[in-house]
C-alpha atoms as a PDB file:
ATOM      1  CA  MET A   1     100.635 112.568 125.872  1.00  0.00           C
ATOM      2  CA  LYS A   2     100.447 112.234 122.178  1.00  0.00           C
ATOM      3  CA  ILE A   3     102.195 108.942 120.898  1.00  0.00           C
ATOM      4  CA  ILE A   4     103.058 108.396 117.453  1.00  0.00           C
ATOM      5  CA  ALA A   5     104.502 105.456 115.263  1.00  0.00           C
ATOM      6  CA  TYR A   6     106.831 106.389 112.449  1.00  0.00           C
ATOM      7  CA  LEU A   7     109.358 104.916 110.044  1.00  0.00           C
ATOM      8  CA  ASP A   8     113.029 104.951 111.264  1.00  0.00           C
ATOM      9  CA  ALA A   9     115.632 103.425 108.960  1.00  0.00           C
ATOM     10  CA  GLY A  10     112.920 101.107 107.597  1.00  0.00           C
ATOM     11  CA  ARG A  11     111.577 100.036 110.927  1.00  0.00           C
ATOM     12  CA  ILE A  12     108.640 101.102 112.953  1.00  0.00           C
ATOM     13  CA  ALA A  13     109.621 103.307 116.114  1.00  0.00           C
ATOM     14  CA  LEU A  14     107.454 105.215 118.602  1.00  0.00           C
ATOM     15  CA  GLY A  15     107.587 108.858 119.455  1.00  0.00           C
ATOM     16  CA  VAL A  16     105.930 111.308 122.036  1.00  0.00           C
ATOM     17  CA  VAL A  17     104.839 114.664 120.611  1.00  0.00           C
ATOM     18  CA  THR A  18     105.943 117.613 122.501  1.00  0.00           C
ATOM     19  CA  SER A  19     104.924 120.495 120.125  1.00  0.00           C
ATOM     20  CA  PRO A  20     103.127 121.090 116.802  1.00  0.00           C
ATOM     21  CA  THR A  21     106.522 120.605 115.145  1.00  0.00           C
ATOM     22  CA  HIS A  22     108.596 118.273 117.207  1.00  0.00           C
ATOM     23  CA  PHE A  23     108.616 114.897 119.163  1.00  0.00           C
ATOM     24  CA  ILE A  24     110.992 112.646 121.262  1.00  0.00           C
ATOM     25  CA  ALA A  25     111.989 109.307 119.959  1.00  0.00           C
ATOM     26  CA  VAL A  26     110.996 106.855 122.673  1.00  0.00           C
ATOM     27  CA  ALA A  27     114.069 104.778 121.798  1.00  0.00           C
ATOM     28  CA  ASP A  28     116.396 107.782 122.765  1.00  0.00           C
ATOM     29  CA  VAL A  29     115.010 108.281 126.327  1.00  0.00           C
ATOM     30  CA  ALA A  30     113.599 104.783 127.276  1.00  0.00           C
ATOM     31  CA  PRO A  31     115.424 102.221 125.299  1.00  0.00           C
ATOM     32  CA  ASP A  32     114.365  99.453 127.645  1.00  0.00           C
ATOM     33  CA  LEU A  33     110.752  99.943 126.436  1.00  0.00           C
ATOM     34  CA  PRO A  34     109.279  97.937 123.652  1.00  0.00           C
ATOM     35  CA  THR A  35     108.995  99.427 120.130  1.00  0.00           C
ATOM     36  CA  ASP A  36     105.375  98.233 119.847  1.00  0.00           C
ATOM     37  CA  LEU A  37     102.709 100.337 121.598  1.00  0.00           C
ATOM     38  CA  ILE A  38     100.615  97.265 122.327  1.00  0.00           C
ATOM     39  CA  GLU A  39     103.464  95.550 124.002  1.00  0.00           C
ATOM     40  CA  ILE A  40     103.824  98.743 126.208  1.00  0.00           C
ATOM     41  CA  LEU A  41     100.072  98.884 126.867  1.00  0.00           C
ATOM     42  CA  GLU A  42     100.274  95.069 128.062  1.00  0.00           C
ATOM     43  CA  ARG A  43     102.799  96.009 130.704  1.00  0.00           C
ATOM     44  CA  GLU A  44     100.990  97.218 133.890  1.00  0.00           C
ATOM     45  CA  ASP A  45     103.384 100.156 134.345  1.00  0.00           C
ATOM     46  CA  GLY A  46     104.156 100.585 130.604  1.00  0.00           C
ATOM     47  CA  MET A  47     102.460 103.804 129.988  1.00  0.00           C
ATOM     48  CA  ASP A  48     103.540 105.274 133.324  1.00  0.00           C
ATOM     49  CA  ARG A  49     107.150 104.490 132.528  1.00  0.00           C
ATOM     50  CA  LEU A  50     106.588 106.287 129.001  1.00  0.00           C
ATOM     51  CA  ARG A  51     105.235 109.403 130.622  1.00  0.00           C
ATOM     52  CA  GLU A  52     108.090 109.484 133.241  1.00  0.00           C
ATOM     53  CA  ALA A  53     110.693 109.118 130.417  1.00  0.00           C
ATOM     54  CA  THR A  54     109.404 111.864 128.435  1.00  0.00           C
ATOM     55  CA  ALA A  55     107.907 114.341 130.976  1.00  0.00           C
ATOM     56  CA  GLY A  56     109.591 117.776 130.779  1.00  0.00           C
ATOM     57  CA  ARG A  57     111.764 117.063 127.855  1.00  0.00           C
ATOM     58  CA  THR A  58     111.860 119.129 124.605  1.00  0.00           C
ATOM     59  CA  GLY A  59     111.351 117.228 121.505  1.00  0.00           C
ATOM     60  CA  ASP A  60     114.537 117.250 119.269  1.00  0.00           C
ATOM     61  CA  ARG A  61     113.082 115.506 116.067  1.00  0.00           C
ATOM     62  CA  LEU A  62     110.820 117.225 113.482  1.00  0.00           C
ATOM     63  CA  LEU A  63     107.400 115.589 112.713  1.00  0.00           C
ATOM     64  CA  ALA A  64     107.808 117.014 109.041  1.00  0.00           C
ATOM     65  CA  ASP A  65     110.997 114.761 108.551  1.00  0.00           C
ATOM     66  CA  VAL A  66     109.279 111.421 109.274  1.00  0.00           C
ATOM     67  CA  THR A  67     106.620 109.136 107.832  1.00  0.00           C
ATOM     68  CA  LEU A  68     103.727 108.409 110.243  1.00  0.00           C
ATOM     69  CA  LYS A  69     102.402 104.731 110.386  1.00  0.00           C
ATOM     70  CA  PRO A  70      99.494 103.176 112.231  1.00  0.00           C
ATOM     71  CA  PHE A  71     100.460 103.149 115.751  1.00  0.00           C
ATOM     72  CA  LEU A  72      98.706  99.900 116.462  1.00  0.00           C
ATOM     73  CA  HIS A  73     100.823  96.781 115.147  1.00  0.00           C
ATOM     74  CA  ARG A  74      98.501  93.707 114.851  1.00  0.00           C
ATOM     75  CA  PRO A  75      95.804  94.740 117.235  1.00  0.00           C
ATOM     76  CA  ASN A  76      93.531  91.732 118.288  1.00  0.00           C
ATOM     77  CA  ALA A  77      90.362  93.412 117.220  1.00  0.00           C
ATOM     78  CA  MET A  78      89.093  96.474 115.314  1.00  0.00           C
ATOM     79  CA  TRP A  79      85.465  97.129 116.276  1.00  0.00           C
ATOM     80  CA  ALA A  80      83.306  99.684 114.564  1.00  0.00           C
ATOM     81  CA  LEU A  81      79.833 101.164 115.208  1.00  0.00           C
ATOM     82  CA  ALA A  82      77.226 101.503 112.536  1.00  0.00           C
ATOM     83  CA  LEU A  83      74.258 104.011 112.800  1.00  0.00           C
ATOM     84  CA  ASN A  84      75.520 105.508 115.991  1.00  0.00           C
ATOM     85  CA  PHE A  85      74.972 109.390 115.309  1.00  0.00           C
ATOM     86  CA  LYS A  86      71.384 110.611 115.430  1.00  0.00           C
ATOM     87  CA  SER A  87      71.986 112.687 112.353  1.00  0.00           C
ATOM     88  CA  HIS A  88      73.217 109.818 110.150  1.00  0.00           C
ATOM     89  CA  ILE A  89      70.310 107.617 111.316  1.00  0.00           C
ATOM     90  CA  ALA A  90      67.959 110.618 110.259  1.00  0.00           C
ATOM     91  CA  GLU A  91      69.540 110.878 106.762  1.00  0.00           C
ATOM     92  CA  THR A  92      69.564 107.197 105.937  1.00  0.00           C
ATOM     93  CA  GLY A  93      66.046 106.463 107.288  1.00  0.00           C
ATOM     94  CA  LEU A  94      67.415 103.161 108.575  1.00  0.00           C
ATOM     95  CA  GLN A  95      66.505 101.775 111.987  1.00  0.00           C
ATOM     96  CA  THR A  96      68.731 100.414 114.660  1.00  0.00           C
ATOM     97  CA  ASN A  97      68.292  99.329 118.215  1.00  0.00           C
ATOM     98  CA  PRO A  98      68.666 102.520 120.593  1.00  0.00           C
ATOM     99  CA  ASP A  99      69.703 100.337 123.497  1.00  0.00           C
ATOM    100  CA  PHE A 100      72.582  98.236 121.940  1.00  0.00           C
ATOM    101  CA  PRO A 101      75.520  99.457 119.651  1.00  0.00           C
ATOM    102  CA  HIS A 102      75.327  98.100 116.050  1.00  0.00           C
ATOM    103  CA  LEU A 103      78.929  96.352 115.750  1.00  0.00           C
ATOM    104  CA  PHE A 104      80.963  94.903 113.181  1.00  0.00           C
ATOM    105  CA  LEU A 105      84.584  94.285 112.659  1.00  0.00           C
ATOM    106  CA  ARG A 106      87.325  95.795 110.459  1.00  0.00           C
ATOM    107  CA  THR A 107      90.766  94.367 109.528  1.00  0.00           C
ATOM    108  CA  GLU A 108      94.246  95.782 110.104  1.00  0.00           C
ATOM    109  CA  ALA A 109      95.030  95.869 106.421  1.00  0.00           C
ATOM    110  CA  SER A 110      91.909  98.237 105.777  1.00  0.00           C
ATOM    111  CA  TYR A 111      93.506 101.103 107.593  1.00  0.00           C
ATOM    112  CA  VAL A 112      96.680 103.203 106.860  1.00  0.00           C
ATOM    113  CA  GLY A 113      98.329 105.894 109.015  1.00  0.00           C
ATOM    114  CA  ALA A 114      98.166 109.803 108.773  1.00  0.00           C
ATOM    115  CA  GLY A 115      99.561 111.148 105.692  1.00  0.00           C
ATOM    116  CA  GLU A 116      99.500 107.783 103.936  1.00  0.00           C
ATOM    117  CA  PRO A 117      97.525 107.541 100.751  1.00  0.00           C
ATOM    118  CA  ILE A 118      93.992 105.911 100.951  1.00  0.00           C
ATOM    119  CA  PHE A 119      93.119 103.457  98.247  1.00  0.00           C
ATOM    120  CA  ALA A 120      90.033 104.361  96.125  1.00  0.00           C
ATOM    121  CA  PRO A 121      88.533 101.514  93.923  1.00  0.00           C
ATOM    122  CA  PRO A 122      88.422 102.373  90.303  1.00  0.00           C
ATOM    123  CA  TYR A 123      84.922 103.128  88.839  1.00  0.00           C
ATOM    124  CA  SER A 124      84.920  99.646  87.203  1.00  0.00           C
ATOM    125  CA  VAL A 125      84.848  98.241  90.622  1.00  0.00           C
ATOM    126  CA  ALA A 126      82.725 100.673  92.767  1.00  0.00           C
ATOM    127  CA  ARG A 127      81.746 104.433  92.610  1.00  0.00           C
ATOM    128  CA  ALA A 128      80.261 104.989  96.111  1.00  0.00           C
ATOM    129  CA  PHE A 129      83.363 105.168  98.251  1.00  0.00           C
ATOM    130  CA  ASP A 130      82.340 107.257 101.284  1.00  0.00           C
ATOM    131  CA  TYR A 131      84.360 109.029 103.887  1.00  0.00           C
ATOM    132  CA  GLU A 132      83.445 108.556 107.552  1.00  0.00           C
ATOM    133  CA  GLY A 133      84.744 111.034 110.083  1.00  0.00           C
ATOM    134  CA  GLU A 134      84.889 109.225 113.513  1.00  0.00           C
ATOM    135  CA  LEU A 135      86.343 109.078 116.942  1.00  0.00           C
ATOM    136  CA  GLY A 136      88.597 106.241 117.507  1.00  0.00           C
ATOM    137  CA  VAL A 137      88.994 104.610 121.050  1.00  0.00           C
ATOM    138  CA  ILE A 138      92.101 102.641 122.028  1.00  0.00           C
ATOM    139  CA  ILE A 139      91.794  99.920 124.963  1.00  0.00           C
ATOM    140  CA  GLY A 140      94.687 100.028 127.220  1.00  0.00           C
ATOM    141  CA  LYS A 141      93.543  97.949 130.315  1.00  0.00           C
ATOM    142  CA  PRO A 142      92.188  94.515 129.584  1.00  0.00           C
ATOM    143  CA  GLY A 143      88.802  93.422 131.016  1.00  0.00           C
ATOM    144  CA  ARG A 144      85.624  91.406 131.001  1.00  0.00           C
ATOM    145  CA  ASP A 145      82.228  92.304 132.236  1.00  0.00           C
ATOM    146  CA  ILE A 146      83.170  95.809 132.826  1.00  0.00           C
ATOM    147  CA  PRO A 147      80.479  98.082 134.443  1.00  0.00           C
ATOM    148  CA  VAL A 148      79.654 101.279 132.678  1.00  0.00           C
ATOM    149  CA  GLU A 149      80.862 103.505 135.656  1.00  0.00           C
ATOM    150  CA  ARG A 150      84.456 101.839 135.298  1.00  0.00           C
ATOM    151  CA  ALA A 151      84.525 101.465 131.484  1.00  0.00           C
ATOM    152  CA  LEU A 152      86.578 104.714 130.783  1.00  0.00           C
ATOM    153  CA  GLU A 153      89.329 103.293 133.109  1.00  0.00           C
ATOM    154  CA  HIS A 154      90.176 100.655 130.496  1.00  0.00           C
ATOM    155  CA  VAL A 155      90.655 103.400 127.728  1.00  0.00           C
ATOM    156  CA  ALA A 156      94.333 104.150 126.733  1.00  0.00           C
ATOM    157  CA  GLY A 157      93.486 106.882 124.518  1.00  0.00           C
ATOM    158  CA  TYR A 158      91.696 108.516 121.421  1.00  0.00           C
ATOM    159  CA  THR A 159      92.423 109.080 117.853  1.00  0.00           C
ATOM    160  CA  CYS A 160      90.840 110.542 114.757  1.00  0.00           C
ATOM    161  CA  LEU A 161      89.530 107.946 112.154  1.00  0.00           C
ATOM    162  CA  ASN A 162      88.202 107.861 108.698  1.00  0.00           C
ATOM    163  CA  GLU A 163      86.251 104.750 108.064  1.00  0.00           C
ATOM    164  CA  GLY A 164      86.271 104.528 104.289  1.00  0.00           C
ATOM    165  CA  SER A 165      83.289 102.569 103.094  1.00  0.00           C
ATOM    166  CA  VAL A 166      82.576 101.007  99.700  1.00  0.00           C
ATOM    167  CA  ARG A 167      78.879 101.241  99.599  1.00  0.00           C
ATOM    168  CA  GLU A 168      78.108  98.831  96.615  1.00  0.00           C
ATOM    169  CA  TYR A 169      79.953  95.991  98.343  1.00  0.00           C
ATOM    170  CA  GLN A 170      78.506  96.943 101.753  1.00  0.00           C
ATOM    171  CA  MET A 171      74.940  96.394 100.249  1.00  0.00           C
ATOM    172  CA  HIS A 172      75.793  93.049  98.610  1.00  0.00           C
ATOM    173  CA  ASN A 173      74.214  91.275 101.667  1.00  0.00           C
ATOM    174  CA  ARG A 174      72.883  91.718 105.382  1.00  0.00           C
ATOM    175  CA  GLN A 175      76.402  91.855 106.641  1.00  0.00           C
ATOM    176  CA  PHE A 176      78.617  94.766 105.818  1.00  0.00           C
ATOM    177  CA  GLY A 177      81.734  92.610 105.289  1.00  0.00           C
ATOM    178  CA  LEU A 178      84.003  93.484 102.524  1.00  0.00           C
ATOM    179  CA  GLY A 179      82.429  96.969 101.742  1.00  0.00           C
ATOM    180  CA  LYS A 180      83.943  98.016 105.237  1.00  0.00           C
ATOM    181  CA  ASN A 181      87.309  96.299 104.561  1.00  0.00           C
ATOM    182  CA  PHE A 182      88.701  97.122 101.168  1.00  0.00           C
ATOM    183  CA  GLU A 183      92.494  97.310 101.461  1.00  0.00           C
ATOM    184  CA  ALA A 184      93.744 100.639 102.731  1.00  0.00           C
ATOM    185  CA  SER A 185      90.275 102.067 102.520  1.00  0.00           C
ATOM    186  CA  GLY A 186      90.393 103.998 105.866  1.00  0.00           C
ATOM    187  CA  SER A 187      92.903 105.639 108.258  1.00  0.00           C
ATOM    188  CA  TYR A 188      93.407 106.532 111.852  1.00  0.00           C
ATOM    189  CA  GLY A 189      95.879 108.849 113.544  1.00  0.00           C
ATOM    190  CA  PRO A 190      97.961 110.938 113.567  1.00  0.00           C
ATOM    191  CA  TRP A 191      98.494 109.876 117.161  1.00  0.00           C
ATOM    192  CA  LEU A 192      97.070 108.399 120.333  1.00  0.00           C
ATOM    193  CA  MET A 193      96.064 110.993 122.741  1.00  0.00           C
ATOM    194  CA  THR A 194      95.779 109.954 126.433  1.00  0.00           C
ATOM    195  CA  PRO A 195      92.434 110.626 128.274  1.00  0.00           C
ATOM    196  CA  ASP A 196      94.102 113.016 130.760  1.00  0.00           C
ATOM    197  CA  GLU A 197      94.895 115.225 127.813  1.00  0.00           C
ATOM    198  CA  PHE A 198      91.651 114.722 125.570  1.00  0.00           C
ATOM    199  CA  GLY A 199      89.108 114.780 128.456  1.00  0.00           C
ATOM    200  CA  ASP A 200      85.514 113.887 128.180  1.00  0.00           C
ATOM    201  CA  PRO A 201      84.700 112.841 124.505  1.00  0.00           C
ATOM    202  CA  ALA A 202      81.106 114.262 124.942  1.00  0.00           C
ATOM    203  CA  ARG A 203      82.646 117.718 125.129  1.00  0.00           C
ATOM    204  CA  HIS A 204      84.375 117.466 121.666  1.00  0.00           C
ATOM    205  CA  SER A 205      83.140 117.457 118.155  1.00  0.00           C
ATOM    206  CA  VAL A 206      84.118 115.918 114.742  1.00  0.00           C
ATOM    207  CA  LEU A 207      84.397 117.330 111.301  1.00  0.00           C
ATOM    208  CA  THR A 208      85.248 116.071 107.755  1.00  0.00           C
ATOM    209  CA  ARG A 209      86.691 118.189 105.085  1.00  0.00           C
ATOM    210  CA  ILE A 210      86.929 117.108 101.478  1.00  0.00           C
ATOM    211  CA  ASN A 211      89.472 119.258  99.372  1.00  0.00           C
ATOM    212  CA  GLY A 212      88.817 121.968 102.188  1.00  0.00           C
ATOM    213  CA  VAL A 213      85.100 121.865 102.084  1.00  0.00           C
ATOM    214  CA  VAL A 214      83.465 120.815 105.365  1.00  0.00           C
ATOM    215  CA  ARG A 215      81.161 117.973 104.695  1.00  0.00           C
ATOM    216  CA  GLN A 216      80.535 116.682 108.211  1.00  0.00           C
ATOM    217  CA  ARG A 217      80.267 118.543 111.530  1.00  0.00           C
ATOM    218  CA  ALA A 218      78.693 117.182 114.729  1.00  0.00           C
ATOM    219  CA  PRO A 219      79.274 117.158 118.573  1.00  0.00           C
ATOM    220  CA  LEU A 220      80.255 113.790 119.804  1.00  0.00           C
ATOM    221  CA  ASP A 221      77.418 113.954 122.332  1.00  0.00           C
ATOM    222  CA  ASP A 222      75.213 113.224 119.334  1.00  0.00           C
ATOM    223  CA  MET A 223      76.282 109.629 119.577  1.00  0.00           C
ATOM    224  CA  LEU A 224      73.350 107.240 120.409  1.00  0.00           C
ATOM    225  CA  ILE A 225      75.564 104.873 122.396  1.00  0.00           C
ATOM    226  CA  ASP A 226      78.571 106.768 124.061  1.00  0.00           C
ATOM    227  CA  VAL A 227      82.173 105.333 124.668  1.00  0.00           C
ATOM    228  CA  ALA A 228      81.613 103.974 128.297  1.00  0.00           C
ATOM    229  CA  HIS A 229      78.439 102.097 127.322  1.00  0.00           C
ATOM    230  CA  THR A 230      80.208 100.768 124.182  1.00  0.00           C
ATOM    231  CA  VAL A 231      83.159  99.502 126.168  1.00  0.00           C
ATOM    232  CA  SER A 232      80.963  97.914 128.811  1.00  0.00           C
ATOM    233  CA  TYR A 233      78.747  96.254 126.128  1.00  0.00           C
ATOM    234  CA  LEU A 234      81.602  94.775 124.260  1.00  0.00           C
ATOM    235  CA  SER A 235      83.154  93.384 127.593  1.00  0.00           C
ATOM    236  CA  ARG A 236      79.934  91.360 128.246  1.00  0.00           C
ATOM    237  CA  GLY A 237      80.850  88.851 125.584  1.00  0.00           C
ATOM    238  CA  TYR A 238      84.381  89.391 124.937  1.00  0.00           C
ATOM    239  CA  ARG A 239      87.631  90.119 126.759  1.00  0.00           C
ATOM    240  CA  LEU A 240      89.093  93.488 125.758  1.00  0.00           C
ATOM    241  CA  ARG A 241      92.652  93.405 124.986  1.00  0.00           C
ATOM    242  CA  PRO A 242      95.145  96.246 124.898  1.00  0.00           C
ATOM    243  CA  GLY A 243      95.340  97.754 121.639  1.00  0.00           C
ATOM    244  CA  ASP A 244      91.634  97.096 120.563  1.00  0.00           C
ATOM    245  CA  LEU A 245      90.398  99.685 118.526  1.00  0.00           C
ATOM    246  CA  ILE A 246      86.740 101.013 118.514  1.00  0.00           C
ATOM    247  CA  ALA A 247      85.470 103.311 115.765  1.00  0.00           C
ATOM    248  CA  MET A 248      82.505 105.199 117.258  1.00  0.00           C
ATOM    249  CA  GLY A 249      80.317 105.795 114.252  1.00  0.00           C
ATOM    250  CA  THR A 250      79.838 108.832 111.934  1.00  0.00           C
ATOM    251  CA  PRO A 251      77.554 111.750 111.704  1.00  0.00           C
ATOM    252  CA  GLY A 252      75.291 112.766 108.780  1.00  0.00           C
ATOM    253  CA  ALA A 253      76.312 115.091 105.931  1.00  0.00           C
ATOM    254  CA  LEU A 254      76.016 118.833 106.144  1.00  0.00           C
ATOM    255  CA  LYS A 255      73.527 120.418 103.843  1.00  0.00           C
ATOM    256  CA  PRO A 256      75.325 121.939 101.067  1.00  0.00           C
ATOM    257  CA  GLN A 257      76.009 125.701 100.760  1.00  0.00           C
ATOM    258  CA  PRO A 258      74.252 127.521  97.723  1.00  0.00           C
ATOM    259  CA  ASP A 259      77.454 127.659  95.790  1.00  0.00           C
ATOM    260  CA  ASP A 260      78.279 124.064  96.510  1.00  0.00           C
ATOM    261  CA  LEU A 261      77.192 122.728  93.143  1.00  0.00           C
ATOM    262  CA  GLU A 262      78.932 119.277  93.830  1.00  0.00           C
ATOM    263  CA  GLY A 263      77.256 118.879  97.015  1.00  0.00           C
ATOM    264  CA  GLN A 264      73.898 119.605  95.485  1.00  0.00           C
ATOM    265  CA  ASP A 265      74.213 117.289  92.499  1.00  0.00           C
ATOM    266  CA  LEU A 266      72.723 114.001  93.476  1.00  0.00           C
ATOM    267  CA  SER A 267      73.252 112.580  90.013  1.00  0.00           C
ATOM    268  CA  ARG A 268      76.713 112.173  91.059  1.00  0.00           C
ATOM    269  CA  GLN A 269      75.981 109.943  93.929  1.00  0.00           C
ATOM    270  CA  PHE A 270      75.824 106.274  93.547  1.00  0.00           C
ATOM    271  CA  GLY A 271      75.302 104.800  97.031  1.00  0.00           C
ATOM    272  CA  PRO A 272      71.943 103.567  98.272  1.00  0.00           C
ATOM    273  CA  PHE A 273      71.008 106.865 100.056  1.00  0.00           C
ATOM    274  CA  PRO A 274      71.409 110.026  97.879  1.00  0.00           C
ATOM    275  CA  THR A 275      71.932 112.813 100.416  1.00  0.00           C
ATOM    276  CA  PRO A 276      72.389 116.567  99.820  1.00  0.00           C
ATOM    277  CA  GLY A 277      75.914 117.655 100.773  1.00  0.00           C
ATOM    278  CA  LEU A 278      77.385 114.083 100.568  1.00  0.00           C
ATOM    279  CA  VAL A 279      80.263 113.548  97.935  1.00  0.00           C
ATOM    280  CA  HIS A 280      82.110 110.331  97.263  1.00  0.00           C
ATOM    281  CA  MET A 281      86.040 110.192  97.916  1.00  0.00           C
ATOM    282  CA  ARG A 282      87.933 109.965  94.493  1.00  0.00           C
ATOM    283  CA  ALA A 283      91.383 109.591  93.449  1.00  0.00           C
ATOM    284  CA  GLY A 284      93.136 113.187  93.809  1.00  0.00           C
ATOM    285  CA  ASP A 285      91.057 114.293  96.870  1.00  0.00           C
ATOM    286  CA  VAL A 286      92.539 115.280 100.039  1.00  0.00           C
ATOM    287  CA  VAL A 287      90.553 114.078 103.160  1.00  0.00           C
ATOM    288  CA  GLU A 288      90.820 115.628 106.657  1.00  0.00           C
ATOM    289  CA  ILE A 289      89.055 114.389 109.755  1.00  0.00           C
ATOM    290  CA  GLU A 290      89.376 116.821 112.648  1.00  0.00           C
ATOM    291  CA  ILE A 291      88.446 116.294 116.362  1.00  0.00           C
ATOM    292  CA  ASP A 292      88.903 119.600 118.291  1.00  0.00           C
ATOM    293  CA  GLY A 293      91.412 119.168 121.077  1.00  0.00           C
ATOM    294  CA  LEU A 294      92.826 116.020 119.538  1.00  0.00           C
ATOM    295  CA  GLY A 295      94.091 116.740 115.983  1.00  0.00           C
ATOM    296  CA  VAL A 296      93.635 116.491 112.387  1.00  0.00           C
ATOM    297  CA  LEU A 297      93.994 113.135 110.362  1.00  0.00           C
ATOM    298  CA  ARG A 298      95.024 114.208 106.723  1.00  0.00           C
ATOM    299  CA  ASN A 299      95.259 111.576 103.835  1.00  0.00           C
ATOM    300  CA  SER A 300      95.206 111.950 100.035  1.00  0.00           C
ATOM    301  CA  VAL A 301      93.313 109.433  97.973  1.00  0.00           C
ATOM    302  CA  ILE A 302      94.726 107.410  94.942  1.00  0.00           C
ATOM    303  CA  THR A 303      93.524 104.721  92.761  1.00  0.00           C
ATOM    304  CA  ASP A 304      94.090 101.344  94.400  1.00  0.00           C
ATOM    305  CA  PRO A 305      97.250 100.139  92.528  1.00  0.00           C
ATOM    306  CA  ALA A 306      95.962  96.772  92.415  1.00  0.00           C
ATOM    307  CA  PHE A 307      93.607  97.848  89.635  1.00  0.00           C
ATOM    308  CA  GLU A 308      95.876 100.146  87.605  1.00  0.00           C
ATOM    309  CA  GLY A 309      95.445  98.006  84.440  1.00  0.00           C
ATOM    310  CA  ASP A 310      91.576  98.162  84.820  1.00  0.00           C
ATOM    311  CA  LEU A 311      91.356 101.983  84.396  1.00  0.00           C
END
């Protein structure tokens, strides 16, 4: 099951995707269900009722006709992992604990939905605005002190995620803080895909394209700490809530091809770790995060409108 949120007459509505082009409006087939996905997840039978209401039906609405929005409305927590891909650790030369995930938090305001513009800070604020293609994990069943072998039972689904990072602000101090939370700097979507449809995350891969050029590509089994161990670890100190989002970290950059002059030009990089193949996101770019078997998250990049007078 693939669940979307979209604008319907100025309000957020939920849908279930039935084909590459069509979806079912949840309000049409299950008007008694909440219009908030987190509220559905909080109900013990919520997802089962949603599945029953949409099973076997043909979508009668076009995805192309709606604006997608983030499908999590006011989640309790949005966790993220740093340095969780071996290739990313290797390219930065940074050290991390191999036994425990390196965790930090992001805010709801730092994410937009599929198709919505990502805000890039102007050069007067920061130049090193980087993409990070990641697997997003959405918690469905609450729990505390969850054993690893039961951890995936608490996962409601998965999504594609771009954790936009403003490196200059990230490096201002020991905590990542603001550099990971600029307004509308990241995205997730286009939908939540349930585990029965997605399968084992370790059997999939993630890639990132900037203006059609592949900049990241890695199997998800390159993660240092996998989904089950991350969920279990978080639950030791914190009661996981329905709708919690976990961004599982990003791989390293692909080496540039011989004709990729932009990827080879380290003078155009302004972050702390100049890396062949890395380019910064800039206004006018189109960024795509693709996870095989899950979907493609596509966003354009625009200059943050808050700084239009500073250009």
